[in-house]
Amino acid sequence: MEESMPLDEYYAMLSRYDGDSFVLSEAVKGVYRRTADFLEQHIEKNARILDIGCAFGGLLAELQQRDFTHLAGLEYAERNCQFVEKTLHIPAHRGGLGHLPKSLLGERFDLIILSGVLEHLFDLRSAIAECNSLLDESGKIFILTPDVEQFPLHNDLYQEFSVEHINYFDIDSLSALFACEGLTCCATIQDTVPMFGLAGNRYSLWSRNALQKKNTAHGKGKHAMQNYMTNAAALSDVLRERLSGEGSENNFYVWGAGTQTAMLVQLGILDIHRICGIVDGNQNYHGRTAYGHPIEAPDVLYEKQGIPILIASQYAQRAIEHVIRDKMRLSNPIIKLFPEEHT
């Protein structure tokens, strides 16, 4: 199967990870701290480490602060590479899996980091094989992926099925994937802290000739996914009923241009003919088009007094309502789709 759009083109077109702010949220900082905690237990401080998909170096910075001394990044976005090299003084190679730069030819590493990468890729076996080719004989691969076993713990509208995520893993499926390259799991833990309302992650470490860590979770991933989909279907019915109660004659502005809105449209919950405009606080979206409307900054709502605003974001619903009422001081009717217990 060929990618409908190569990963580098996707991130160049529209990416949360390529911008000018270079500021990490507290949630992401927490993930990096817990990742570093895990790595400190298993990796020597003088290990040669390559972080593939390093963005603007958040994890590299955390490892640097903990005295890991031989760090490097691999990243598609040129601005991110420049930031890493200028700010952290860590070499950042421009490229990615399937597009390794010449600067990495002949290089070998003690640890390859794939943090939030595998869930985005079509050709998983080639990706693992390429990582394996960059490893020293006793090298290891660290993986961070969303943890399927935790999906049912969060009652949302299929948000785990992000447009950016095309693979879903439990420890069984990861073990089968890495076995193709002769790699076995030597350490793994679950991080149960949710990310932006979504499930937590699994951290795992893979190496050659390692004693296979006993798997006590056999089959849990499949059942977890089934439970998650059942819960999401039930929430879908609730949202459809709530929106139908708003009256089909009323059109509205939609606040939110991301995956939540796309899911509402795809499920037939949100009728695009009722949308009279779309706003979003993410500047990366501005100027693009969705459902026949340009995506605009929220300030346009000052000129749309009286038009209802539908909040198309489950976990930001309260925050967006606060902005509308308390910061922008708008009196427009607000349509809150998601029950309060789910936000």
Protein backbone atom coordinates (compact mmCIF):
# COMPACT_ATOMS: atom_id res chain seq x y z
CA MET A 1 0.00 0.00 0.00
CA GLU A 2 1.34 3.42 -0.93
CA GLU A 3 0.85 6.45 1.26
CA SER A 4 -1.83 8.78 -0.08
CA MET A 5 0.42 11.62 1.03
CA PRO A 6 4.03 11.11 2.16
CA LEU A 7 4.51 11.94 5.81
CA ASP A 8 6.88 14.82 5.12
CA GLU A 9 4.38 16.43 2.73
CA TYR A 10 1.59 16.07 5.30
CA TYR A 11 3.57 17.80 8.03
CA ALA A 12 4.75 20.48 5.63
CA MET A 13 1.14 21.18 4.62
CA LEU A 14 -0.45 21.36 8.04
CA SER A 15 1.23 20.45 11.27
CA ARG A 16 0.84 21.21 14.93
CA TYR A 17 4.54 20.47 15.33
CA ASP A 18 5.94 23.02 12.91
CA GLY A 19 5.42 26.58 14.03
CA ASP A 20 7.09 29.66 15.40
CA SER A 21 6.23 29.47 19.09
CA PHE A 22 8.47 26.54 20.12
CA VAL A 23 6.54 26.32 23.39
CA LEU A 24 5.63 23.00 25.00
CA SER A 25 2.38 22.49 26.87
CA GLU A 26 2.59 21.23 30.44
CA ALA A 27 1.00 17.95 29.33
CA VAL A 28 3.72 17.33 26.74
CA LYS A 29 6.44 18.34 29.21
CA GLY A 30 5.05 15.72 31.57
CA VAL A 31 5.28 13.02 28.91
CA TYR A 32 8.89 13.95 28.21
CA ARG A 33 9.73 13.84 31.92
CA ARG A 34 8.18 10.41 32.32
CA THR A 35 9.89 9.21 29.15
CA ALA A 36 13.24 10.36 30.51
CA ASP A 37 12.49 8.65 33.83
CA PHE A 38 11.97 5.38 31.96
CA LEU A 39 15.08 5.76 29.81
CA GLU A 40 17.28 6.60 32.78
CA GLN A 41 16.52 3.17 34.21
CA HIS A 42 17.76 1.34 31.10
CA ILE A 43 20.16 3.52 29.08
CA GLU A 44 23.69 4.71 29.92
CA LYS A 45 24.27 8.47 30.00
CA ASN A 46 27.02 8.23 27.37
CA ALA A 47 24.84 6.27 24.91
CA ARG A 48 24.63 7.57 21.34
CA ILE A 49 20.96 8.53 20.98
CA LEU A 50 18.96 9.50 17.87
CA ASP A 51 15.46 10.92 18.34
CA ILE A 52 13.54 10.33 15.09
CA GLY A 53 10.79 12.91 14.64
CA CYS A 54 12.27 15.11 17.35
CA ALA A 55 10.08 18.17 16.50
CA PHE A 56 11.78 21.16 18.13
CA GLY A 57 13.69 19.06 20.63
CA GLY A 58 11.50 18.85 23.72
CA LEU A 59 12.57 15.32 24.63
CA LEU A 60 16.18 15.98 23.61
CA ALA A 61 16.23 18.98 25.96
CA GLU A 62 14.91 16.86 28.83
CA LEU A 63 17.57 14.21 28.22
CA GLN A 64 20.26 16.88 27.94
CA GLN A 65 19.23 18.27 31.33
CA ARG A 66 19.71 14.79 32.77
CA ASP A 67 23.29 14.60 31.48
CA PHE A 68 22.84 12.37 28.45
CA THR A 69 25.82 13.52 26.43
CA HIS A 70 25.60 12.12 22.88
CA LEU A 71 22.28 13.30 21.45
CA ALA A 72 21.05 13.89 17.90
CA GLY A 73 17.69 14.51 16.23
CA LEU A 74 16.10 13.64 12.89
CA GLU A 75 13.29 15.94 11.80
CA TYR A 76 11.46 16.96 8.61
CA ALA A 77 10.74 20.60 9.46
CA GLU A 78 13.72 22.83 8.75
CA ARG A 79 12.68 25.45 11.30
CA ASN A 80 12.62 22.79 14.00
CA CYS A 81 16.09 21.58 13.02
CA GLN A 82 17.44 25.11 13.15
CA PHE A 83 15.89 25.68 16.57
CA VAL A 84 17.36 22.45 17.99
CA GLU A 85 20.85 23.25 16.73
CA LYS A 86 20.81 26.92 17.73
CA THR A 87 19.14 26.54 21.13
CA LEU A 88 20.27 23.13 22.37
CA HIS A 89 23.50 22.85 20.36
CA ILE A 90 22.44 19.34 19.40
CA PRO A 91 22.88 18.15 15.79
CA ALA A 92 19.53 17.90 14.01
CA HIS A 93 19.51 16.07 10.68
CA ARG A 94 16.78 17.02 8.22
CA GLY A 95 14.81 14.01 6.99
CA GLY A 96 12.92 11.02 8.30
CA LEU A 97 12.31 7.32 7.91
CA GLY A 98 12.49 6.46 4.24
CA HIS A 99 14.34 9.72 3.62
CA LEU A 100 17.51 9.40 5.68
CA PRO A 101 19.94 12.24 4.96
CA LYS A 102 23.48 11.64 3.77
CA SER A 103 24.72 13.06 7.07
CA LEU A 104 23.60 9.83 8.77
CA LEU A 105 25.32 7.44 6.37
CA GLY A 106 27.55 5.09 8.33
CA GLU A 107 26.30 6.37 11.70
CA ARG A 108 25.33 3.85 14.38
CA PHE A 109 23.46 4.49 17.61
CA ASP A 110 22.96 2.81 20.96
CA LEU A 111 19.37 4.03 21.16
CA ILE A 112 16.80 5.01 18.53
CA ILE A 113 13.79 6.92 19.86
CA LEU A 114 10.42 6.72 18.08
CA SER A 115 8.13 8.79 20.28
CA GLY A 116 4.67 9.14 18.77
CA VAL A 117 5.84 8.04 15.32
CA LEU A 118 4.72 4.46 14.55
CA GLU A 119 1.03 5.28 14.73
CA HIS A 120 1.49 7.58 11.70
CA LEU A 121 3.26 5.22 9.28
CA PHE A 122 1.98 2.89 6.55
CA ASP A 123 5.07 0.74 6.05
CA LEU A 124 5.84 -0.32 9.60
CA ARG A 125 8.17 -3.21 8.77
CA SER A 126 10.37 -1.02 6.59
CA ALA A 127 10.48 1.61 9.33
CA ILE A 128 11.63 -0.90 11.95
CA ALA A 129 14.14 -2.40 9.52
CA GLU A 130 15.57 1.05 8.83
CA CYS A 131 15.86 1.77 12.55
CA ASN A 132 17.52 -1.61 13.04
CA SER A 133 20.09 -0.69 10.39
CA LEU A 134 21.05 2.39 12.41
CA LEU A 135 21.63 0.41 15.61
CA ASP A 136 24.93 -0.68 17.01
CA GLU A 137 25.16 -4.40 17.77
CA SER A 138 23.81 -3.98 21.30
CA GLY A 139 21.54 -1.05 20.45
CA LYS A 140 17.91 -0.62 21.47
CA ILE A 141 14.79 1.02 20.08
CA PHE A 142 12.48 2.99 22.38
CA ILE A 143 8.83 3.23 21.36
CA LEU A 144 6.09 5.51 22.68
CA THR A 145 2.64 4.79 21.26
CA PRO A 146 -0.94 5.49 22.36
CA ASP A 147 -2.00 2.51 24.46
CA VAL A 148 -5.04 0.70 23.05
CA GLU A 149 -5.67 -0.98 26.40
CA GLN A 150 -6.50 2.45 27.87
CA PHE A 151 -8.89 3.57 25.12
CA PRO A 152 -12.12 2.52 26.93
CA LEU A 153 -11.17 4.63 29.95
CA HIS A 154 -12.13 7.79 28.02
CA ASN A 155 -15.63 8.22 26.65
CA ASP A 156 -15.15 10.23 23.46
CA LEU A 157 -16.37 10.41 19.85
CA TYR A 158 -13.79 8.18 18.16
CA GLN A 159 -11.11 10.77 18.90
CA GLU A 160 -8.50 8.04 19.16
CA PHE A 161 -9.06 7.52 15.43
CA SER A 162 -7.22 10.73 14.61
CA VAL A 163 -6.69 11.66 10.97
CA GLU A 164 -2.98 11.45 11.78
CA HIS A 165 -3.10 7.98 13.36
CA ILE A 166 -3.48 4.92 11.15
CA ASN A 167 -2.02 2.22 13.45
CA TYR A 168 -3.09 1.12 16.91
CA PHE A 169 -0.99 -1.04 19.20
CA ASP A 170 -1.07 -3.18 22.27
CA ILE A 171 1.98 -5.09 23.50
CA ASP A 172 0.95 -8.17 21.47
CA SER A 173 0.91 -6.32 18.15
CA LEU A 174 4.15 -4.50 18.95
CA SER A 175 5.82 -7.82 19.77
CA ALA A 176 4.71 -9.32 16.46
CA LEU A 177 5.99 -6.28 14.55
CA PHE A 178 9.43 -6.21 16.18
CA ALA A 179 9.83 -9.98 15.93
CA CYS A 180 10.04 -9.50 12.15
CA GLU A 181 13.40 -7.81 12.74
CA GLY A 182 14.57 -10.19 15.46
CA LEU A 183 13.85 -7.70 18.24
CA THR A 184 12.18 -8.51 21.54
CA CYS A 185 10.83 -6.40 24.37
CA CYS A 186 13.22 -5.97 27.27
CA ALA A 187 11.16 -3.41 29.24
CA THR A 188 7.72 -1.84 29.08
CA ILE A 189 5.37 0.25 31.23
CA GLN A 190 2.00 1.94 30.82
CA ASP A 191 1.76 5.70 31.32
CA THR A 192 -1.80 6.17 32.54
CA VAL A 193 -1.77 9.98 32.45
CA PRO A 194 -4.17 11.00 29.64
CA MET A 195 -3.01 13.29 26.85
CA PHE A 196 -5.45 16.10 25.97
CA GLY A 197 -8.32 13.93 27.20
CA LEU A 198 -7.21 10.91 25.18
CA ALA A 199 -5.73 7.68 26.44
CA GLY A 200 -2.31 7.39 28.00
CA ASN A 201 0.72 5.86 26.33
CA ARG A 202 2.82 2.72 26.45
CA TYR A 203 6.60 2.96 26.69
CA SER A 204 8.59 -0.03 25.47
CA LEU A 205 12.23 -0.87 24.80
CA TRP A 206 13.32 -3.39 22.16
CA SER A 207 16.66 -5.08 21.54
CA ARG A 208 18.30 -8.04 19.86
CA ASN A 209 18.92 -11.21 21.86
CA ALA A 210 16.93 -9.93 24.83
CA LEU A 211 14.98 -12.22 27.09
CA GLN A 212 11.34 -11.69 26.10
CA LYS A 213 9.54 -9.86 28.88
CA LYS A 214 6.59 -11.95 30.01
CA ASN A 215 3.38 -10.66 28.50
CA THR A 216 0.48 -10.69 30.94
CA ALA A 217 -1.88 -8.68 28.72
CA HIS A 218 -2.58 -11.20 25.95
CA GLY A 219 -5.77 -10.34 24.08
CA LYS A 220 -6.54 -7.21 26.09
CA GLY A 221 -6.01 -4.87 23.16
CA LYS A 222 -8.72 -6.43 21.00
CA HIS A 223 -11.32 -6.34 23.77
CA ALA A 224 -10.34 -2.79 24.72
CA MET A 225 -10.83 -1.60 21.15
CA GLN A 226 -14.25 -3.27 20.94
CA ASN A 227 -15.35 -1.63 24.20
CA TYR A 228 -14.07 1.74 23.05
CA MET A 229 -16.03 1.58 19.80
CA THR A 230 -19.21 0.54 21.63
CA ASN A 231 -18.88 3.53 23.98
CA ALA A 232 -18.20 5.91 21.08
CA ALA A 233 -21.28 4.68 19.19
CA ALA A 234 -23.44 5.35 22.25
CA LEU A 235 -22.05 8.88 22.57
CA SER A 236 -22.72 9.44 18.86
CA ASP A 237 -26.40 8.71 19.43
CA VAL A 238 -26.49 11.18 22.33
CA LEU A 239 -24.92 13.97 20.25
CA ARG A 240 -27.24 13.37 17.31
CA GLU A 241 -30.26 13.70 19.59
CA ARG A 242 -28.89 16.83 21.30
CA LEU A 243 -28.23 18.61 18.01
CA SER A 244 -31.60 17.67 16.53
CA GLY A 245 -33.16 19.36 19.55
CA GLU A 246 -31.56 22.67 18.55
CA GLY A 247 -33.99 23.05 15.64
CA SER A 248 -33.12 22.38 12.04
CA GLU A 249 -33.98 25.96 11.00
CA ASN A 250 -31.02 27.49 12.88
CA ASN A 251 -27.64 27.86 11.19
CA PHE A 252 -24.48 28.47 13.20
CA TYR A 253 -20.79 29.18 13.24
CA VAL A 254 -18.61 26.22 14.17
CA TRP A 255 -15.74 26.83 16.58
CA GLY A 256 -13.18 24.13 15.77
CA ALA A 257 -11.73 23.06 12.43
CA GLY A 258 -9.95 19.90 13.51
CA THR A 259 -10.65 16.20 13.71
CA GLN A 260 -13.64 16.59 16.04
CA THR A 261 -15.55 18.59 13.44
CA ALA A 262 -14.53 16.15 10.71
CA MET A 263 -15.87 13.24 12.76
CA LEU A 264 -19.17 15.03 13.46
CA VAL A 265 -19.63 15.61 9.72
CA GLN A 266 -18.61 12.09 8.71
CA LEU A 267 -21.07 10.56 11.17
CA GLY A 268 -23.89 12.74 9.86
CA ILE A 269 -24.32 14.46 13.22
CA LEU A 270 -23.32 17.85 11.85
CA ASP A 271 -25.13 18.98 8.68
CA ILE A 272 -22.72 21.05 6.60
CA HIS A 273 -25.65 22.98 5.12
CA ARG A 274 -26.28 24.50 8.56
CA ILE A 275 -22.71 25.79 8.85
CA CYS A 276 -22.41 29.50 8.00
CA GLY A 277 -18.74 29.82 8.96
CA ILE A 278 -15.83 28.15 10.77
CA VAL A 279 -13.39 29.66 13.27
CA ASP A 280 -10.40 28.19 15.05
CA GLY A 281 -7.73 29.56 17.35
CA ASN A 282 -4.98 27.57 15.60
CA GLN A 283 -3.26 29.95 13.18
CA ASN A 284 -2.02 26.99 11.09
CA TYR A 285 -5.61 26.52 9.91
CA HIS A 286 -6.33 30.14 8.97
CA GLY A 287 -6.82 30.80 5.27
CA ARG A 288 -7.61 27.18 4.49
CA THR A 289 -11.05 25.96 3.52
CA ALA A 290 -13.33 23.43 5.20
CA TYR A 291 -16.84 22.44 4.15
CA GLY A 292 -17.05 25.33 1.70
CA HIS A 293 -15.97 28.00 4.18
CA PRO A 294 -12.64 29.71 4.88
CA ILE A 295 -11.27 28.95 8.33
CA GLU A 296 -11.06 32.28 10.15
CA ALA A 297 -9.77 33.59 13.45
CA PRO A 298 -12.37 33.82 16.25
CA ASP A 299 -12.29 37.64 16.06
CA VAL A 300 -14.65 37.46 13.07
CA LEU A 301 -17.41 36.59 15.55
CA TYR A 302 -17.47 40.20 16.75
CA GLU A 303 -19.18 40.94 13.43
CA LYS A 304 -21.63 38.04 13.78
CA GLN A 305 -23.65 39.11 16.79
CA GLY A 306 -26.66 36.89 17.42
CA ILE A 307 -25.53 33.95 15.28
CA PRO A 308 -25.28 30.74 17.37
CA ILE A 309 -21.81 29.27 17.92
CA LEU A 310 -21.49 25.49 17.98
CA ILE A 311 -18.45 24.30 19.94
CA ALA A 312 -17.02 21.30 18.09
CA SER A 313 -14.49 20.23 20.69
CA GLN A 314 -15.14 17.78 23.48
CA TYR A 315 -12.23 18.46 25.80
CA ALA A 316 -11.90 22.18 25.05
CA GLN A 317 -15.65 22.83 25.31
CA ARG A 318 -15.45 24.57 28.69
CA ALA A 319 -12.35 26.56 27.74
CA ILE A 320 -13.91 27.77 24.48
CA GLU A 321 -17.11 28.75 26.28
CA HIS A 322 -14.96 30.75 28.72
CA VAL A 323 -13.28 32.58 25.84
CA ILE A 324 -16.61 33.38 24.18
CA ARG A 325 -18.31 34.66 27.31
CA ASP A 326 -15.56 36.01 29.57
CA LYS A 327 -12.80 37.12 27.21
CA MET A 328 -14.60 38.09 24.01
CA ARG A 329 -17.75 39.14 25.89
CA LEU A 330 -20.00 37.76 23.16
CA SER A 331 -23.69 37.20 23.80
CA ASN A 332 -24.22 34.81 20.88
CA PRO A 333 -26.17 31.65 21.76
CA ILE A 334 -23.76 28.77 22.42
CA ILE A 335 -24.50 25.20 21.35
CA LYS A 336 -22.63 22.77 23.60
CA LEU A 337 -22.90 19.33 22.04
CA PHE A 338 -21.08 17.28 24.62
CA PRO A 339 -22.66 16.45 27.98
CA GLU A 340 -20.72 18.06 30.84
CA GLU A 341 -19.72 14.68 32.26
CA HIS A 342 -17.83 13.95 29.03
CA THR A 343 -15.83 17.21 28.94
